[in-house]
């Protein structure tokens, strides 16, 4: 059965992205002294922030009317949420190849951020 996307599901996802964004900005490395220390956290923060902006631009009335194009744009945000989980969960450093950075520069985002991104992806379950 295809996913039913509504303005309410968009709003819930937006709230969860906001919560994740707050936690990322509160991470001790967000304002670290060296670019190597803050690079991955700021990349993740910028990626989540742009995902939220993309989501918030979706037209709730079109979502409620099951507009196929708007649903496709919503699914683009879902895919971005899944990539965010990969980025935050990756302790191998391979996700930093996206930025052309040294894969040895891994950071631990901490339990709060990991739990929030896991909850975010659980909400976006593609089998719905």
PDB file of N, CA and C in Angstrom:
ATOM      1  N   UNK A   1       0.842  -1.182   0.000  1.00  0.00           N
ATOM      2  CA  UNK A   1       0.000   0.000   0.000  1.00  0.00           C
ATOM      3  C   UNK A   1       0.891   1.251   0.000  1.00  0.00           C
ATOM      4  N   UNK A   2       0.643   2.189  -0.883  1.00  0.00           N
ATOM      5  CA  UNK A   2       1.495   3.382  -0.933  1.00  0.00           C
ATOM      6  C   UNK A   2       1.324   4.261   0.303  1.00  0.00           C
ATOM      7  N   UNK A   3       2.372   4.994   0.582  1.00  0.00           N
ATOM      8  CA  UNK A   3       2.381   5.913   1.721  1.00  0.00           C
ATOM      9  C   UNK A   3       1.338   7.002   1.507  1.00  0.00           C
ATOM     10  N   UNK A   4       0.604   7.316   2.564  1.00  0.00           N
ATOM     11  CA  UNK A   4      -0.328   8.444   2.544  1.00  0.00           C
ATOM     12  C   UNK A   4       0.365   9.594   3.263  1.00  0.00           C
ATOM     13  N   UNK A   5       0.650  10.632   2.515  1.00  0.00           N
ATOM     14  CA  UNK A   5       1.357  11.788   3.052  1.00  0.00           C
ATOM     15  C   UNK A   5       0.361  12.921   3.241  1.00  0.00           C
ATOM     16  N   UNK A   6       0.374  13.529   4.429  1.00  0.00           N
ATOM     17  CA  UNK A   6      -0.534  14.629   4.729  1.00  0.00           C
ATOM     18  C   UNK A   6       0.251  15.792   5.318  1.00  0.00           C
ATOM     19  N   UNK A   7      -0.427  16.903   5.466  1.00  0.00           N
ATOM     20  CA  UNK A   7       0.224  18.052   6.102  1.00  0.00           C
ATOM     21  C   UNK A   7       0.584  17.718   7.554  1.00  0.00           C
ATOM     22  N   UNK A   8      -0.208  16.866   8.188  1.00  0.00           N
ATOM     23  CA  UNK A   8       0.097  16.484   9.577  1.00  0.00           C
ATOM     24  C   UNK A   8       1.397  15.679   9.647  1.00  0.00           C
ATOM     25  N   UNK A   9       1.609  14.774   8.696  1.00  0.00           N
ATOM     26  CA  UNK A   9       2.863  14.010   8.706  1.00  0.00           C
ATOM     27  C   UNK A   9       4.044  14.925   8.400  1.00  0.00           C
ATOM     28  N   UNK A  10       3.840  15.895   7.511  1.00  0.00           N
ATOM     29  CA  UNK A  10       4.887  16.888   7.229  1.00  0.00           C
ATOM     30  C   UNK A  10       5.218  17.675   8.487  1.00  0.00           C
ATOM     31  N   UNK A  11       4.193  18.097   9.229  1.00  0.00           N
ATOM     32  CA  UNK A  11       4.414  18.896  10.440  1.00  0.00           C
ATOM     33  C   UNK A  11       5.148  18.102  11.515  1.00  0.00           C
ATOM     34  N   UNK A  12       4.808  16.810  11.686  1.00  0.00           N
ATOM     35  CA  UNK A  12       5.507  15.959  12.666  1.00  0.00           C
ATOM     36  C   UNK A  12       6.975  15.804  12.284  1.00  0.00           C
ATOM     37  N   UNK A  13       7.209  15.575  10.997  1.00  0.00           N
ATOM     38  CA  UNK A  13       8.588  15.420  10.534  1.00  0.00           C
ATOM     39  C   UNK A  13       9.366  16.723  10.721  1.00  0.00           C
ATOM     40  N   UNK A  14       8.726  17.851  10.475  1.00  0.00           N
ATOM     41  CA  UNK A  14       9.373  19.149  10.660  1.00  0.00           C
ATOM     42  C   UNK A  14       9.752  19.364  12.128  1.00  0.00           C
ATOM     43  N   UNK A  15       8.866  18.985  13.046  1.00  0.00           N
ATOM     44  CA  UNK A  15       9.167  19.114  14.481  1.00  0.00           C
ATOM     45  C   UNK A  15      10.364  18.249  14.864  1.00  0.00           C
ATOM     46  N   UNK A  16      10.403  17.024  14.335  1.00  0.00           N
ATOM     47  CA  UNK A  16      11.528  16.135  14.650  1.00  0.00           C
ATOM     48  C   UNK A  16      12.831  16.636  14.054  1.00  0.00           C
ATOM     49  N   UNK A  17      12.776  17.210  12.862  1.00  0.00           N
ATOM     50  CA  UNK A  17      13.980  17.804  12.272  1.00  0.00           C
ATOM     51  C   UNK A  17      14.451  18.995  13.100  1.00  0.00           C
ATOM     52  N   UNK A  18      13.513  19.800  13.596  1.00  0.00           N
ATOM     53  CA  UNK A  18      13.873  20.943  14.445  1.00  0.00           C
ATOM     54  C   UNK A  18      14.564  20.478  15.723  1.00  0.00           C
ATOM     55  N   UNK A  19      14.040  19.426  16.323  1.00  0.00           N
ATOM     56  CA  UNK A  19      14.626  18.886  17.548  1.00  0.00           C
ATOM     57  C   UNK A  19      16.034  18.359  17.287  1.00  0.00           C
ATOM     58  N   UNK A  20      16.213  17.660  16.190  1.00  0.00           N
ATOM     59  CA  UNK A  20      17.537  17.156  15.822  1.00  0.00           C
ATOM     60  C   UNK A  20      18.496  18.314  15.561  1.00  0.00           C
ATOM     61  N   UNK A  21      18.025  19.323  14.880  1.00  0.00           N
ATOM     62  CA  UNK A  21      18.849  20.490  14.580  1.00  0.00           C
ATOM     63  C   UNK A  21      19.312  21.187  15.861  1.00  0.00           C
ATOM     64  N   UNK A  22      18.423  21.325  16.829  1.00  0.00           N
ATOM     65  CA  UNK A  22      18.798  21.927  18.119  1.00  0.00           C
ATOM     66  C   UNK A  22      19.908  21.131  18.791  1.00  0.00           C
ATOM     67  N   UNK A  23      19.776  19.809  18.777  1.00  0.00           N
ATOM     68  CA  UNK A  23      20.793  18.961  19.412  1.00  0.00           C
ATOM     69  C   UNK A  23      22.121  19.044  18.679  1.00  0.00           C
ATOM     70  N   UNK A  24      22.084  19.104  17.350  1.00  0.00           N
ATOM     71  CA  UNK A  24      23.331  19.239  16.593  1.00  0.00           C
ATOM     72  C   UNK A  24      24.029  20.552  16.923  1.00  0.00           C
ATOM     73  N   UNK A  25      23.270  21.630  17.017  1.00  0.00           N
ATOM     74  CA  UNK A  25      23.878  22.939  17.318  1.00  0.00           C
ATOM     75  C   UNK A  25      24.390  23.021  18.752  1.00  0.00           C
ATOM     76  N   UNK A  26      23.860  22.164  19.620  1.00  0.00           N
ATOM     77  CA  UNK A  26      24.304  22.145  21.017  1.00  0.00           C
ATOM     78  C   UNK A  26      25.501  21.216  21.231  1.00  0.00           C
ATOM     79  N   UNK A  27      25.865  20.458  20.223  1.00  0.00           N
ATOM     80  CA  UNK A  27      26.993  19.522  20.351  1.00  0.00           C
ATOM     81  C   UNK A  27      28.269  20.317  20.628  1.00  0.00           C
ATOM     82  N   UNK A  28      29.109  19.834  21.533  1.00  0.00           N
ATOM     83  CA  UNK A  28      30.331  20.564  21.887  1.00  0.00           C
ATOM     84  C   UNK A  28      31.259  20.870  20.704  1.00  0.00           C
ATOM     85  N   UNK A  29      31.253  20.055  19.681  1.00  0.00           N
ATOM     86  CA  UNK A  29      32.145  20.293  18.545  1.00  0.00           C
ATOM     87  C   UNK A  29      31.570  21.269  17.523  1.00  0.00           C
ATOM     88  N   UNK A  30      30.321  21.690  17.700  1.00  0.00           N
ATOM     89  CA  UNK A  30      29.708  22.582  16.717  1.00  0.00           C
ATOM     90  C   UNK A  30      30.522  23.871  16.553  1.00  0.00           C
ATOM     91  N   UNK A  31      31.041  24.391  17.638  1.00  0.00           N
ATOM     92  CA  UNK A  31      31.851  25.619  17.592  1.00  0.00           C
ATOM     93  C   UNK A  31      33.313  25.341  17.922  1.00  0.00           C
ATOM     94  N   UNK A  32      33.791  24.167  17.560  1.00  0.00           N
ATOM     95  CA  UNK A  32      35.173  23.787  17.860  1.00  0.00           C
ATOM     96  C   UNK A  32      36.155  24.741  17.187  1.00  0.00           C
ATOM     97  N   UNK A  33      37.344  24.769  17.725  1.00  0.00           N
ATOM     98  CA  UNK A  33      38.359  25.714  17.261  1.00  0.00           C
ATOM     99  C   UNK A  33      38.893  25.391  15.869  1.00  0.00           C
ATOM    100  N   UNK A  34      38.989  24.117  15.524  1.00  0.00           N
ATOM    101  CA  UNK A  34      39.586  23.770  14.232  1.00  0.00           C
ATOM    102  C   UNK A  34      38.533  23.260  13.252  1.00  0.00           C
ATOM    103  N   UNK A  35      38.721  23.551  11.976  1.00  0.00           N
ATOM    104  CA  UNK A  35      37.773  23.067  10.967  1.00  0.00           C
ATOM    105  C   UNK A  35      37.652  21.547  10.951  1.00  0.00           C
ATOM    106  N   UNK A  36      38.749  20.845  11.216  1.00  0.00           N
ATOM    107  CA  UNK A  36      38.697  19.379  11.224  1.00  0.00           C
ATOM    108  C   UNK A  36      37.757  18.871  12.304  1.00  0.00           C
ATOM    109  N   UNK A  37      37.740  19.548  13.445  1.00  0.00           N
ATOM    110  CA  UNK A  37      36.875  19.122  14.549  1.00  0.00           C
ATOM    111  C   UNK A  37      35.412  19.446  14.301  1.00  0.00           C
ATOM    112  N   UNK A  38      35.144  20.566  13.671  1.00  0.00           N
ATOM    113  CA  UNK A  38      33.745  20.982  13.526  1.00  0.00           C
ATOM    114  C   UNK A  38      33.141  20.647  12.167  1.00  0.00           C
ATOM    115  N   UNK A  39      33.964  20.187  11.216  1.00  0.00           N
ATOM    116  CA  UNK A  39      33.494  19.959   9.856  1.00  0.00           C
ATOM    117  C   UNK A  39      32.306  19.034   9.733  1.00  0.00           C
ATOM    118  N   UNK A  40      32.418  17.837  10.300  1.00  0.00           N
ATOM    119  CA  UNK A  40      31.355  16.849  10.140  1.00  0.00           C
ATOM    120  C   UNK A  40      30.072  17.290  10.844  1.00  0.00           C
ATOM    121  N   UNK A  41      30.188  17.849  12.031  1.00  0.00           N
ATOM    122  CA  UNK A  41      28.986  18.264  12.773  1.00  0.00           C
ATOM    123  C   UNK A  41      28.299  19.422  12.057  1.00  0.00           C
ATOM    124  N   UNK A  42      29.072  20.358  11.528  1.00  0.00           N
ATOM    125  CA  UNK A  42      28.456  21.471  10.818  1.00  0.00           C
ATOM    126  C   UNK A  42      27.888  21.024   9.477  1.00  0.00           C
ATOM    127  N   UNK A  43      28.538  20.065   8.821  1.00  0.00           N
ATOM    128  CA  UNK A  43      27.984  19.520   7.584  1.00  0.00           C
ATOM    129  C   UNK A  43      26.633  18.870   7.879  1.00  0.00           C
ATOM    130  N   UNK A  44      26.580  18.057   8.931  1.00  0.00           N
ATOM    131  CA  UNK A  44      25.325  17.399   9.302  1.00  0.00           C
ATOM    132  C   UNK A  44      24.261  18.431   9.649  1.00  0.00           C
ATOM    133  N   UNK A  45      24.642  19.450  10.392  1.00  0.00           N
ATOM    134  CA  UNK A  45      23.709  20.506  10.778  1.00  0.00           C
ATOM    135  C   UNK A  45      23.168  21.232   9.541  1.00  0.00           C
ATOM    136  N   UNK A  46      24.038  21.600   8.637  1.00  0.00           N
ATOM    137  CA  UNK A  46      23.608  22.292   7.408  1.00  0.00           C
ATOM    138  C   UNK A  46      22.716  21.398   6.564  1.00  0.00           C
ATOM    139  N   UNK A  47      23.039  20.103   6.511  1.00  0.00           N
ATOM    140  CA  UNK A  47      22.249  19.168   5.727  1.00  0.00           C
ATOM    141  C   UNK A  47      20.843  19.026   6.312  1.00  0.00           C
ATOM    142  N   UNK A  48      20.748  18.904   7.636  1.00  0.00           N
ATOM    143  CA  UNK A  48      19.442  18.797   8.298  1.00  0.00           C
ATOM    144  C   UNK A  48      18.657  20.088   8.115  1.00  0.00           C
ATOM    145  N   UNK A  49      19.338  21.213   8.253  1.00  0.00           N
ATOM    146  CA  UNK A  49      18.665  22.506   8.101  1.00  0.00           C
ATOM    147  C   UNK A  49      18.101  22.680   6.686  1.00  0.00           C
ATOM    148  N   UNK A  50      18.860  22.292   5.674  1.00  0.00           N
ATOM    149  CA  UNK A  50      18.347  22.424   4.312  1.00  0.00           C
ATOM    150  C   UNK A  50      17.232  21.413   4.040  1.00  0.00           C
ATOM    151  N   UNK A  51      17.304  20.254   4.663  1.00  0.00           N
ATOM    152  CA  UNK A  51      16.222  19.271   4.540  1.00  0.00           C
ATOM    153  C   UNK A  51      14.929  19.819   5.144  1.00  0.00           C
ATOM    154  N   UNK A  52      15.053  20.457   6.297  1.00  0.00           N
ATOM    155  CA  UNK A  52      13.880  21.033   6.958  1.00  0.00           C
ATOM    156  C   UNK A  52      13.285  22.156   6.108  1.00  0.00           C
ATOM    157  N   UNK A  53      14.128  22.989   5.533  1.00  0.00           N
ATOM    158  CA  UNK A  53      13.633  24.066   4.666  1.00  0.00           C
ATOM    159  C   UNK A  53      12.895  23.489   3.464  1.00  0.00           C
ATOM    160  N   UNK A  54      13.457  22.444   2.889  1.00  0.00           N
ATOM    161  CA  UNK A  54      12.817  21.785   1.752  1.00  0.00           C
ATOM    162  C   UNK A  54      11.454  21.235   2.176  1.00  0.00           C
ATOM    163  N   UNK A  55      11.400  20.627   3.336  1.00  0.00           N
ATOM    164  CA  UNK A  55      10.145  20.071   3.854  1.00  0.00           C
ATOM    165  C   UNK A  55       9.122  21.167   4.127  1.00  0.00           C
ATOM    166  N   UNK A  56       9.565  22.247   4.747  1.00  0.00           N
ATOM    167  CA  UNK A  56       8.648  23.320   5.131  1.00  0.00           C
ATOM    168  C   UNK A  56       8.090  24.073   3.925  1.00  0.00           C
ATOM    169  N   UNK A  57       8.752  23.947   2.781  1.00  0.00           N
ATOM    170  CA  UNK A  57       8.240  24.579   1.567  1.00  0.00           C
ATOM    171  C   UNK A  57       7.117  23.777   0.904  1.00  0.00           C
ATOM    172  N   UNK A  58       6.903  22.554   1.368  1.00  0.00           N
ATOM    173  CA  UNK A  58       5.844  21.742   0.779  1.00  0.00           C
ATOM    174  C   UNK A  58       4.480  22.326   1.095  1.00  0.00           C
ATOM    175  N   UNK A  59       3.583  22.240   0.148  1.00  0.00           N
ATOM    176  CA  UNK A  59       2.230  22.775   0.267  1.00  0.00           C
ATOM    177  C   UNK A  59       1.338  21.759   0.974  1.00  0.00           C
ATOM    178  N   UNK A  60       0.899  22.092   2.180  1.00  0.00           N
ATOM    179  CA  UNK A  60       0.068  21.198   2.974  1.00  0.00           C
ATOM    180  C   UNK A  60      -1.236  20.820   2.295  1.00  0.00           C
ATOM    181  N   UNK A  61      -1.850  21.756   1.603  1.00  0.00           N
ATOM    182  CA  UNK A  61      -3.106  21.461   0.910  1.00  0.00           C
ATOM    183  C   UNK A  61      -2.882  20.444  -0.210  1.00  0.00           C
ATOM    184  N   UNK A  62      -1.779  20.578  -0.912  1.00  0.00           N
ATOM    185  CA  UNK A  62      -1.475  19.609  -1.968  1.00  0.00           C
ATOM    186  C   UNK A  62      -1.175  18.236  -1.381  1.00  0.00           C
ATOM    187  N   UNK A  63      -0.476  18.213  -0.241  1.00  0.00           N
ATOM    188  CA  UNK A  63      -0.223  16.930   0.412  1.00  0.00           C
ATOM    189  C   UNK A  63      -1.530  16.273   0.836  1.00  0.00           C
ATOM    190  N   UNK A  64      -2.420  17.063   1.447  1.00  0.00           N
ATOM    191  CA  UNK A  64      -3.705  16.527   1.893  1.00  0.00           C
ATOM    192  C   UNK A  64      -4.552  16.036   0.722  1.00  0.00           C
ATOM    193  N   UNK A  65      -4.371  16.646  -0.452  1.00  0.00           N
ATOM    194  CA  UNK A  65      -5.109  16.245  -1.658  1.00  0.00           C
ATOM    195  C   UNK A  65      -4.409  15.088  -2.385  1.00  0.00           C
ATOM    196  N   UNK A  66      -3.318  14.592  -1.803  1.00  0.00           N
ATOM    197  CA  UNK A  66      -2.551  13.478  -2.362  1.00  0.00           C
ATOM    198  C   UNK A  66      -1.962  13.804  -3.741  1.00  0.00           C
ATOM    199  N   UNK A  67      -1.483  15.045  -3.888  1.00  0.00           N
ATOM    200  CA  UNK A  67      -0.826  15.462  -5.122  1.00  0.00           C
ATOM    201  C   UNK A  67       0.466  14.650  -5.299  1.00  0.00           C
ATOM    202  N   UNK A  68       0.586  13.975  -6.443  1.00  0.00           N
ATOM    203  CA  UNK A  68       1.724  13.084  -6.686  1.00  0.00           C
ATOM    204  C   UNK A  68       3.060  13.823  -6.696  1.00  0.00           C
ATOM    205  N   UNK A  69       3.109  15.005  -7.281  1.00  0.00           N
ATOM    206  CA  UNK A  69       4.366  15.764  -7.325  1.00  0.00           C
ATOM    207  C   UNK A  69       4.798  16.211  -5.936  1.00  0.00           C
ATOM    208  N   UNK A  70       3.844  16.627  -5.129  1.00  0.00           N
ATOM    209  CA  UNK A  70       4.188  17.068  -3.773  1.00  0.00           C
ATOM    210  C   UNK A  70       4.632  15.867  -2.925  1.00  0.00           C
ATOM    211  N   UNK A  71       3.982  14.719  -3.140  1.00  0.00           N
ATOM    212  CA  UNK A  71       4.378  13.500  -2.427  1.00  0.00           C
ATOM    213  C   UNK A  71       5.795  13.078  -2.827  1.00  0.00           C
ATOM    214  N   UNK A  72       6.147  13.260  -4.094  1.00  0.00           N
ATOM    215  CA  UNK A  72       7.492  12.942  -4.548  1.00  0.00           C
ATOM    216  C   UNK A  72       8.514  13.859  -3.869  1.00  0.00           C
ATOM    217  N   UNK A  73       8.183  15.122  -3.731  1.00  0.00           N
ATOM    218  CA  UNK A  73       9.086  16.061  -3.046  1.00  0.00           C
ATOM    219  C   UNK A  73       9.228  15.686  -1.564  1.00  0.00           C
ATOM    220  N   UNK A  74       8.130  15.222  -0.952  1.00  0.00           N
ATOM    221  CA  UNK A  74       8.174  14.751   0.434  1.00  0.00           C
ATOM    222  C   UNK A  74       9.116  13.549   0.526  1.00  0.00           C
ATOM    223  N   UNK A  75       9.022  12.636  -0.422  1.00  0.00           N
ATOM    224  CA  UNK A  75       9.896  11.456  -0.418  1.00  0.00           C
ATOM    225  C   UNK A  75      11.359  11.844  -0.591  1.00  0.00           C
ATOM    226  N   UNK A  76      11.643  12.927  -1.298  1.00  0.00           N
ATOM    227  CA  UNK A  76      13.014  13.423  -1.391  1.00  0.00           C
ATOM    228  C   UNK A  76      13.548  13.779   0.002  1.00  0.00           C
ATOM    229  N   UNK A  77      12.706  14.395   0.808  1.00  0.00           N
ATOM    230  CA  UNK A  77      13.108  14.747   2.175  1.00  0.00           C
ATOM    231  C   UNK A  77      13.328  13.472   2.995  1.00  0.00           C
ATOM    232  N   UNK A  78      12.472  12.478   2.797  1.00  0.00           N
ATOM    233  CA  UNK A  78      12.629  11.199   3.499  1.00  0.00           C
ATOM    234  C   UNK A  78      14.005  10.600   3.175  1.00  0.00           C
ATOM    235  N   UNK A  79      14.374  10.626   1.918  1.00  0.00           N
ATOM    236  CA  UNK A  79      15.682  10.102   1.523  1.00  0.00           C
ATOM    237  C   UNK A  79      16.812  10.886   2.179  1.00  0.00           C
ATOM    238  N   UNK A  80      16.636  12.182   2.326  1.00  0.00           N
ATOM    239  CA  UNK A  80      17.635  13.010   3.013  1.00  0.00           C
ATOM    240  C   UNK A  80      17.726  12.629   4.490  1.00  0.00           C
ATOM    241  N   UNK A  81      16.588  12.302   5.101  1.00  0.00           N
ATOM    242  CA  UNK A  81      16.588  11.865   6.511  1.00  0.00           C
ATOM    243  C   UNK A  81      17.365  10.559   6.670  1.00  0.00           C
ATOM    244  N   UNK A  82      17.192   9.653   5.716  1.00  0.00           N
ATOM    245  CA  UNK A  82      17.908   8.384   5.760  1.00  0.00           C
ATOM    246  C   UNK A  82      19.412   8.625   5.608  1.00  0.00           C
ATOM    247  N   UNK A  83      19.803   9.514   4.703  1.00  0.00           N
ATOM    248  CA  UNK A  83      21.223   9.835   4.556  1.00  0.00           C
ATOM    249  C   UNK A  83      21.768  10.467   5.839  1.00  0.00           C
ATOM    250  N   UNK A  84      20.958  11.280   6.498  1.00  0.00           N
ATOM    251  CA  UNK A  84      21.380  11.892   7.760  1.00  0.00           C
ATOM    252  C   UNK A  84      21.702  10.812   8.782  1.00  0.00           C
ATOM    253  N   UNK A  85      20.870   9.771   8.833  1.00  0.00           N
ATOM    254  CA  UNK A  85      21.133   8.675   9.764  1.00  0.00           C
ATOM    255  C   UNK A  85      22.456   7.985   9.415  1.00  0.00           C
ATOM    256  N   UNK A  86      22.690   7.771   8.129  1.00  0.00           N
ATOM    257  CA  UNK A  86      23.953   7.149   7.703  1.00  0.00           C
ATOM    258  C   UNK A  86      25.131   8.020   8.133  1.00  0.00           C
ATOM    259  N   UNK A  87      25.031   9.310   7.898  1.00  0.00           N
ATOM    260  CA  UNK A  87      26.095  10.242   8.250  1.00  0.00           C
ATOM    261  C   UNK A  87      26.386  10.231   9.751  1.00  0.00           C
ATOM    262  N   UNK A  88      25.333  10.254  10.548  1.00  0.00           N
ATOM    263  CA  UNK A  88      25.498  10.335  12.001  1.00  0.00           C
ATOM    264  C   UNK A  88      25.926   8.993  12.602  1.00  0.00           C
ATOM    265  N   UNK A  89      25.470   7.898  12.025  1.00  0.00           N
ATOM    266  CA  UNK A  89      25.791   6.575  12.569  1.00  0.00           C
ATOM    267  C   UNK A  89      27.148   6.052  12.123  1.00  0.00           C
ATOM    268  N   UNK A  90      27.687   6.602  11.053  1.00  0.00           N
ATOM    269  CA  UNK A  90      28.934   6.101  10.477  1.00  0.00           C
ATOM    270  C   UNK A  90      30.125   6.373  11.386  1.00  0.00           C
ATOM    271  N   UNK A  91      30.730   5.308  11.860  1.00  0.00           N
ATOM    272  CA  UNK A  91      31.951   5.453  12.664  1.00  0.00           C
ATOM    273  C   UNK A  91      33.183   4.997  11.879  1.00  0.00           C
ATOM    274  N   UNK A  92      32.988   4.674  10.584  1.00  0.00           N
ATOM    275  CA  UNK A  92      34.114   4.255   9.746  1.00  0.00           C
ATOM    276  C   UNK A  92      34.766   5.447   9.061  1.00  0.00           C
ATOM    277  N   UNK A  93      34.017   6.547   8.951  1.00  0.00           N
ATOM    278  CA  UNK A  93      34.534   7.726   8.267  1.00  0.00           C
ATOM    279  C   UNK A  93      34.235   7.735   6.786  1.00  0.00           C
ATOM    280  N   UNK A  94      33.677   6.643   6.267  1.00  0.00           N
ATOM    281  CA  UNK A  94      33.455   6.572   4.817  1.00  0.00           C
ATOM    282  C   UNK A  94      32.427   7.594   4.332  1.00  0.00           C
ATOM    283  N   UNK A  95      31.506   8.019   5.189  1.00  0.00           N
ATOM    284  CA  UNK A  95      30.529   9.022   4.751  1.00  0.00           C
ATOM    285  C   UNK A  95      31.175  10.387   4.544  1.00  0.00           C
ATOM    286  N   UNK A  96      32.357  10.589   5.086  1.00  0.00           N
ATOM    287  CA  UNK A  96      33.036  11.869   4.909  1.00  0.00           C
ATOM    288  C   UNK A  96      33.661  11.991   3.527  1.00  0.00           C
ATOM    289  N   UNK A  97      33.703  10.876   2.791  1.00  0.00           N
ATOM    290  CA  UNK A  97      34.164  10.950   1.403  1.00  0.00           C
ATOM    291  C   UNK A  97      33.280  11.894   0.600  1.00  0.00           C
ATOM    292  N   UNK A  98      32.042  12.052   1.007  1.00  0.00           N
ATOM    293  CA  UNK A  98      31.110  12.968   0.344  1.00  0.00           C
ATOM    294  C   UNK A  98      31.681  14.381   0.364  1.00  0.00           C
ATOM    295  N   UNK A  99      32.361  14.720   1.428  1.00  0.00           N
ATOM    296  CA  UNK A  99      32.934  16.060   1.574  1.00  0.00           C
ATOM    297  C   UNK A  99      34.395  16.118   1.190  1.00  0.00           C
ATOM    298  N   UNK A 100      34.967  14.984   0.804  1.00  0.00           N
ATOM    299  CA  UNK A 100      36.375  14.959   0.446  1.00  0.00           C
ATOM    300  C   UNK A 100      37.287  15.116   1.643  1.00  0.00           C
ATOM    301  N   UNK A 101      36.811  14.711   2.812  1.00  0.00           N
ATOM    302  CA  UNK A 101      37.611  14.845   4.035  1.00  0.00           C
ATOM    303  C   UNK A 101      38.252  13.521   4.412  1.00  0.00           C
ATOM    304  N   UNK A 102      39.215  13.608   5.269  1.00  0.00           N
ATOM    305  CA  UNK A 102      39.930  12.441   5.766  1.00  0.00           C
ATOM    306  C   UNK A 102      38.948  11.530   6.507  1.00  0.00           C
ATOM    307  N   UNK A 103      38.784  10.287   6.056  1.00  0.00           N
ATOM    308  CA  UNK A 103      37.838   9.388   6.712  1.00  0.00           C
ATOM    309  C   UNK A 103      38.229   9.002   8.136  1.00  0.00           C
ATOM    310  N   UNK A 104      39.455   9.312   8.535  1.00  0.00           N
ATOM    311  CA  UNK A 104      39.874   9.019   9.914  1.00  0.00           C
ATOM    312  C   UNK A 104      39.301  10.029  10.907  1.00  0.00           C
ATOM    313  N   UNK A 105      38.698  11.112  10.398  1.00  0.00           N
ATOM    314  CA  UNK A 105      38.160  12.157  11.269  1.00  0.00           C
ATOM    315  C   UNK A 105      36.703  11.857  11.632  1.00  0.00           C
ATOM    316  N   UNK A 106      36.510  10.800  12.386  1.00  0.00           N
ATOM    317  CA  UNK A 106      35.157  10.450  12.818  1.00  0.00           C
ATOM    318  C   UNK A 106      34.864  11.140  14.141  1.00  0.00           C
ATOM    319  N   UNK A 107      33.589  11.395  14.385  1.00  0.00           N
ATOM    320  CA  UNK A 107      33.201  11.943  15.682  1.00  0.00           C
ATOM    321  C   UNK A 107      32.027  11.141  16.205  1.00  0.00           C
ATOM    322  N   UNK A 108      31.889  11.161  17.508  1.00  0.00           N
ATOM    323  CA  UNK A 108      30.746  10.525  18.148  1.00  0.00           C
ATOM    324  C   UNK A 108      29.708  11.614  18.385  1.00  0.00           C
ATOM    325  N   UNK A 109      28.573  11.497  17.738  1.00  0.00           N
ATOM    326  CA  UNK A 109      27.518  12.497  17.884  1.00  0.00           C
ATOM    327  C   UNK A 109      26.811  12.395  19.225  1.00  0.00           C
ATOM    328  N   UNK A 110      26.964  11.291  19.916  1.00  0.00           N
ATOM    329  CA  UNK A 110      26.338  11.133  21.224  1.00  0.00           C
ATOM    330  C   UNK A 110      24.973  10.465  21.136  1.00  0.00           C
ATOM    331  N   UNK A 111      24.552   9.940  22.266  1.00  0.00           N
ATOM    332  CA  UNK A 111      23.309   9.189  22.339  1.00  0.00           C
ATOM    333  C   UNK A 111      22.066   9.983  22.001  1.00  0.00           C
ATOM    334  N   UNK A 112      22.004  11.241  22.431  1.00  0.00           N
ATOM    335  CA  UNK A 112      20.813  12.065  22.181  1.00  0.00           C
ATOM    336  C   UNK A 112      20.591  12.267  20.685  1.00  0.00           C
ATOM    337  N   UNK A 113      21.636  12.641  19.974  1.00  0.00           N
ATOM    338  CA  UNK A 113      21.525  12.887  18.530  1.00  0.00           C
ATOM    339  C   UNK A 113      21.220  11.585  17.801  1.00  0.00           C
ATOM    340  N   UNK A 114      21.899  10.509  18.178  1.00  0.00           N
ATOM    341  CA  UNK A 114      21.646   9.222  17.528  1.00  0.00           C
ATOM    342  C   UNK A 114      20.207   8.769  17.759  1.00  0.00           C
ATOM    343  N   UNK A 115      19.697   8.955  18.961  1.00  0.00           N
ATOM    344  CA  UNK A 115      18.314   8.567  19.252  1.00  0.00           C
ATOM    345  C   UNK A 115      17.328   9.403  18.439  1.00  0.00           C
ATOM    346  N   UNK A 116      17.607  10.681  18.308  1.00  0.00           N
ATOM    347  CA  UNK A 116      16.705  11.557  17.543  1.00  0.00           C
ATOM    348  C   UNK A 116      16.707  11.216  16.063  1.00  0.00           C
ATOM    349  N   UNK A 117      17.865  10.903  15.514  1.00  0.00           N
ATOM    350  CA  UNK A 117      17.898  10.562  14.089  1.00  0.00           C
ATOM    351  C   UNK A 117      17.273   9.188  13.859  1.00  0.00           C
ATOM    352  N   UNK A 118      17.430   8.272  14.809  1.00  0.00           N
ATOM    353  CA  UNK A 118      16.772   6.969  14.685  1.00  0.00           C
ATOM    354  C   UNK A 118      15.256   7.122  14.738  1.00  0.00           C
ATOM    355  N   UNK A 119      14.774   7.979  15.631  1.00  0.00           N
ATOM    356  CA  UNK A 119      13.338   8.240  15.727  1.00  0.00           C
ATOM    357  C   UNK A 119      12.836   8.896  14.439  1.00  0.00           C
ATOM    358  N   UNK A 120      13.619   9.801  13.901  1.00  0.00           N
ATOM    359  CA  UNK A 120      13.275  10.489  12.660  1.00  0.00           C
ATOM    360  C   UNK A 120      13.096   9.479  11.525  1.00  0.00           C
ATOM    361  N   UNK A 121      14.033   8.563  11.392  1.00  0.00           N
ATOM    362  CA  UNK A 121      13.958   7.570  10.324  1.00  0.00           C
ATOM    363  C   UNK A 121      12.827   6.582  10.584  1.00  0.00           C
ATOM    364  N   UNK A 122      12.605   6.232  11.846  1.00  0.00           N
ATOM    365  CA  UNK A 122      11.478   5.339  12.162  1.00  0.00           C
ATOM    366  C   UNK A 122      10.158   5.978  11.737  1.00  0.00           C
ATOM    367  N   UNK A 123      10.038   7.282  11.915  1.00  0.00           N
ATOM    368  CA  UNK A 123       8.829   7.996  11.510  1.00  0.00           C
ATOM    369  C   UNK A 123       8.671   7.982   9.999  1.00  0.00           C
ATOM    370  N   UNK A 124       9.758   7.906   9.274  1.00  0.00           N
ATOM    371  CA  UNK A 124       9.714   7.976   7.822  1.00  0.00           C
ATOM    372  C   UNK A 124       9.661   6.604   7.180  1.00  0.00           C
ATOM    373  N   UNK A 125       9.307   5.589   7.930  1.00  0.00           N
ATOM    374  CA  UNK A 125       9.276   4.216   7.450  1.00  0.00           C
ATOM    375  C   UNK A 125       8.684   4.144   6.040  1.00  0.00           C
ATOM    376  N   UNK A 126       9.484   3.711   5.110  1.00  0.00           N
ATOM    377  CA  UNK A 126       9.079   3.677   3.704  1.00  0.00           C
ATOM    378  C   UNK A 126       8.049   2.601   3.396  1.00  0.00           C
ATOM    379  N   UNK A 127       7.742   1.736   4.364  1.00  0.00           N
ATOM    380  CA  UNK A 127       6.743   0.702   4.117  1.00  0.00           C
ATOM    381  C   UNK A 127       5.335   1.193   4.436  1.00  0.00           C
ATOM    382  N   UNK A 128       5.225   2.412   4.961  1.00  0.00           N
ATOM    383  CA  UNK A 128       3.896   2.942   5.306  1.00  0.00           C
ATOM    384  C   UNK A 128       3.075   3.170   4.071  1.00  0.00           C
TER     385      UNK A 128
END
